[in-house]
Protein backbone atom coordinates (compact mmCIF):
# COMPACT_ATOMS: atom_id res chain seq x y z
CA MET A 1 -2.96 28.68 20.29
CA ALA A 2 -2.03 30.54 17.15
CA GLN A 3 1.58 30.73 16.19
CA ILE A 4 3.10 33.78 14.60
CA LEU A 5 5.47 33.02 11.76
CA LEU A 6 8.00 35.63 10.79
CA MET A 7 10.31 35.78 7.88
CA PRO A 8 13.91 35.55 9.25
CA GLU A 9 14.80 38.86 7.62
CA ASP A 10 11.89 40.69 9.31
CA PHE A 11 13.66 41.86 12.41
CA ALA A 12 11.39 44.84 12.79
CA ALA A 13 8.36 42.64 13.23
CA GLN A 14 10.21 40.26 15.59
CA TYR A 15 11.41 43.25 17.62
CA ARG A 16 7.82 44.56 18.02
CA ILE A 17 7.14 41.31 19.84
CA GLU A 18 10.39 41.24 21.83
CA LYS A 19 10.48 44.96 22.67
CA PRO A 20 8.54 44.72 26.04
CA VAL A 21 11.02 42.11 27.37
CA TRP A 22 14.06 44.17 26.31
CA MET A 23 12.59 47.40 27.71
CA ALA A 24 11.87 45.63 31.02
CA ARG A 25 15.48 44.34 31.15
CA ILE A 26 16.82 47.77 30.49
CA ALA A 27 14.48 49.32 33.14
CA ARG A 28 15.69 46.84 35.78
CA ALA A 29 19.34 47.72 35.16
CA GLU A 30 20.53 49.64 38.24
CA ASN A 31 23.91 50.88 36.89
CA GLY A 32 25.77 51.51 33.71
CA ALA A 33 27.46 48.11 33.68
CA GLN A 34 24.12 46.26 33.91
CA VAL A 35 22.72 48.37 30.98
CA MET A 36 25.86 47.60 28.97
CA ASP A 37 25.36 43.85 29.73
CA VAL A 38 21.80 44.05 28.34
CA VAL A 39 23.08 45.82 25.24
CA ARG A 40 25.71 43.14 24.61
CA GLU A 41 23.22 40.39 25.24
CA PHE A 42 20.87 42.06 22.69
CA VAL A 43 23.64 42.12 20.12
CA ARG A 44 24.58 38.52 20.75
CA SER A 45 21.02 37.35 20.56
CA HIS A 46 20.50 38.84 17.12
CA GLU A 47 23.67 37.66 15.47
CA ALA A 48 21.86 36.61 12.31
CA LEU A 49 20.64 40.18 11.77
CA TRP A 50 24.02 41.69 11.52
CA SER A 51 25.03 39.96 8.32
CA ARG A 52 21.86 41.26 6.62
CA LEU A 53 22.48 44.88 7.47
CA PRO A 54 24.56 47.27 5.52
CA ILE A 55 28.20 47.41 6.63
CA ASP A 56 27.78 50.93 7.93
CA CYS A 57 25.11 49.75 10.27
CA GLN A 58 27.15 47.09 12.05
CA PRO A 59 27.37 47.60 15.87
CA PRO A 60 30.51 48.67 17.59
CA PRO A 61 32.03 46.51 20.25
CA PHE A 62 30.27 48.60 23.01
CA THR A 63 33.20 49.08 25.31
CA ALA A 64 31.99 52.37 26.72
CA PRO A 65 28.58 53.75 27.58
CA ASP A 66 28.96 56.54 24.93
CA ASP A 67 29.13 53.79 22.28
CA VAL A 68 25.46 53.16 22.82
CA SER A 69 24.25 56.72 22.24
CA ARG A 70 26.50 57.24 19.31
CA TYR A 71 25.31 54.06 17.64
CA ALA A 72 21.68 55.01 18.25
CA PHE A 73 22.21 58.39 16.70
CA ALA A 74 24.12 56.97 13.71
CA LEU A 75 21.28 54.47 13.10
CA TYR A 76 18.65 57.21 13.10
CA GLN A 77 20.75 59.07 10.55
CA LYS A 78 21.36 56.04 8.39
CA GLU A 79 17.74 54.93 8.49
CA LEU A 80 16.90 57.76 6.14
CA ARG A 81 19.23 56.31 3.46
CA TYR A 82 17.43 53.00 3.16
CA GLU A 83 14.08 51.77 1.99
CA GLY A 84 11.87 48.80 2.67
CA SER A 85 12.78 46.16 5.35
CA THR A 86 16.37 47.52 5.74
CA SER A 87 14.88 50.93 6.87
CA LEU A 88 12.48 49.24 9.17
CA ASN A 89 15.17 47.01 10.69
CA VAL A 90 17.46 49.94 11.19
CA LEU A 91 14.72 51.96 12.77
CA ALA A 92 13.89 49.13 15.19
CA LEU A 93 17.51 48.86 16.14
CA ALA A 94 17.72 52.59 16.70
CA SER A 95 14.70 52.43 18.97
CA PHE A 96 16.33 49.72 21.15
CA PHE A 97 19.71 51.52 21.41
CA SER A 98 18.16 54.96 22.05
CA GLU A 99 16.17 53.45 25.00
CA ALA A 100 19.36 51.90 26.29
CA ALA A 101 21.22 55.16 25.98
CA HIS A 102 18.43 56.98 27.84
CA ARG A 103 18.65 54.48 30.67
CA LEU A 104 22.44 54.82 30.76
CA ALA A 105 22.08 58.49 31.15
CA LEU A 106 19.54 58.08 33.98
CA VAL A 107 21.56 55.59 36.03
CA MET A 108 24.78 57.38 35.50
CA ALA A 109 23.23 60.76 36.49
CA ALA A 110 21.75 59.16 39.56
CA GLN A 111 25.20 57.78 40.59
CA SER A 112 26.88 61.16 40.04
CA GLN A 113 27.88 63.26 42.99
CA VAL A 114 27.40 66.45 41.00
CA THR A 115 24.67 68.79 42.03
CA LEU A 116 22.97 70.03 38.92
CA ARG A 117 21.26 73.40 38.65
CA PRO A 118 18.62 74.13 36.06
CA PHE A 119 20.19 75.90 32.98
CA PHE A 120 17.78 78.77 33.30
CA ASN A 121 18.69 79.54 36.91
CA ARG A 122 22.40 80.49 36.88
CA GLN A 123 21.94 83.22 39.52
CA SER A 124 22.55 80.95 42.50
């Protein structure tokens, strides 16, 4: 069996391998708390990465669901400032956090008691 060797600083390549597992974990989350648990586990499991990223790309404590979408958006904005492996790493992180933010929106909307009307149909 062939073994894939990755440089420790090559998070983007590592994430391409890990992504299906993380996406499955996010997809299985049934509520906002479970999605937040997956997000926090992702941060904990990649501790070595944080010290290699620019200070403005460090993750927040993730105490509220909005923290996830804000961080994903901030990463996409910051990715444009960097080159090389830093840019690829930030883009991979942005991918994970945007998927988590999307799942949070879905599970929170499903649990909401609000009846939504399409924006284009305000007559009723």
